[in-house]
Amino acid sequence: MIDIGTSGVRAAIVRPDATVACVEHRVTLPATPFPGLVEFDPRQLSDTALELAGRVLAEAGPVEAVGITNQRTSTVLWDRATGEPVGPGIGWQDLRTIGECLTLQGQGIRVSPNASATKLAYLLAQVPKERWDGLAFGTVDCWMAWVLSGGRLHITDASNAAVTGLRTLDGSGWSDRVLDALGIPSTVLPTVVDSTGVVGEASALPGAPPIAGIAGDQQASLIGQGCVRPGLAKITFGTGGMLDACVGDARPGFETRGAQGCYPIVAWSVGGALTWGVEAIMLAAGTNVEWLRDDLGLITTAAESDAVASQCAEAGDVWFVPAPLGLGAPYWDFGARGTLLGLTRGSGRPQVVRAVLEGVAHRGADLLEAAEADSGLHLATVRVDGGMSDNATFTQALADATQRPVEIAPVTEATMLGAAFLAGLAVGTWSGLADVAAAWRPSRVVEPGAALDRDRWRSAVARAREWFPDLSALDF
């Protein structure tokens, strides 16, 4: 299994009993050459992935198949003949194309600046047109498949393709309307394949195992936590937070964003058939704990937030709205900002740290409510992974805010399991999605206690909103 995330690359072996072994990880942070710009070196990512995969194979021996999971919508453009990128990769957080997105809105085309579409147009504009026929575009999964196969595979899976902003709404093909509006030639686009299925050999790895599973990171986490039937959902609490819920074989009824701010996603593709989901996004989750550590100095490690917050039974009516980058679903207010309310002379370090953890938990409850409203499904439990899933104070607050049992993933990064399940399904390690669901075993379950005050939370959010009105007016 190869996992290329925003801040690091990971390789691991997943056994048939769904346990993880031989994990190798290396931090590979993107660069920010200017505020709003996020770039990375595609060759560094792929070289690191090959090195780490080689290490786990040397330790564990041959594998039956390779699965790939990746940060989504980050964009790479490379020369087919040389296999070299023609410029830096542009990260999914990059905002340099906001103006182009607003221009497209005037043409009736809604594309987010986080999507690949305008990033690809930007990269193409840096290359003379006479070279375009020899170029290949891909998201990070596509680039990795190219490298693993020695340049034989130019493919992406349906879950990654669907979030590029370049597909038709039903996921059936590339959108001629968007391609024409951005001047993107279809010759640079990859072939879209199923999320599970043998597509070729990873000839760059010892033994040339088959590449058999590909999915974007959030969809891989959804599968990795066994959410393979309608009504099951997970939240990944990393730097940001993503709730993904399985909806089924029917696309959600809204075009680009539901009334409560959720996006339709392709969860995975099997045998050409798409399974759909909805996704609700929190722009900042673990970032707020990093703020406590790096900027305020209230904790020395992220893990310490649990011990400090547990020094008080409640936050003493101190409230924190985690919006350093604005608010995602259901509000989508880019002008909102982080807000700390209710401080008194008696408010101390434990109360502030607990308020931050509870604020992120309330945002998790916001995502759950939004997903239920936009999908029409009742989500009886919440499954969670990501760095914050190890924090007992936080997970209890999440259970209390949602009033649902919270099931903690057996591994912090469930994306690894999802990529492995997809690859294993293709080669017979697991016989079907029912086997994947049966393999789910949470490390622990947190039952809800006394409900957190959601009305008081909404009052705090109202105070945090529209701090920068010009940014609040933006909508993608």
Foldseek 3Di string as FASTA:
>chain_A
DWEAEQFKIWDWDADLLRDIDLIDMDTAHWDDPDPLWTWHALVVRLVVRLVSNQRSCVVPPDDQAFFYAYAAQFKFKPFLVVLHTPDTTTALSRQPCVVVQVVVVVVVQHADSSANLVVVLVSVVVDPPVRQLRMAMDDSLQSNVCQQQVNPFREAEQQRVQRNSQPAQVSPGGDPVSCVSSVNDPSRYGHYDFQFAFDAFSNSYPPRHTHGGYHYQLLLLCLLQLQPDAQAWEWEQAQWIKIKHWQFQDWQPDRAAFLFFWGKTFSTGDPNGTTIIIMWIFNGGCVLLVCVCPPVNLDPDSQCLLVLLVVDPALQPKAWACQCQHGHTRQQFRQFHIDIDDDDPPGDSNSVSLNSLLNSLLSVLRRQVSRCVRSVHHNQEYEYAYDCLVRPSNQQSNCQANVHKYFYFPHRRSSVSSSVVSHCCNVVSDVDSVSSNVSRDGPDIHGHDHHDDSVSVVVRRVVRGCNPVVRRPDDD
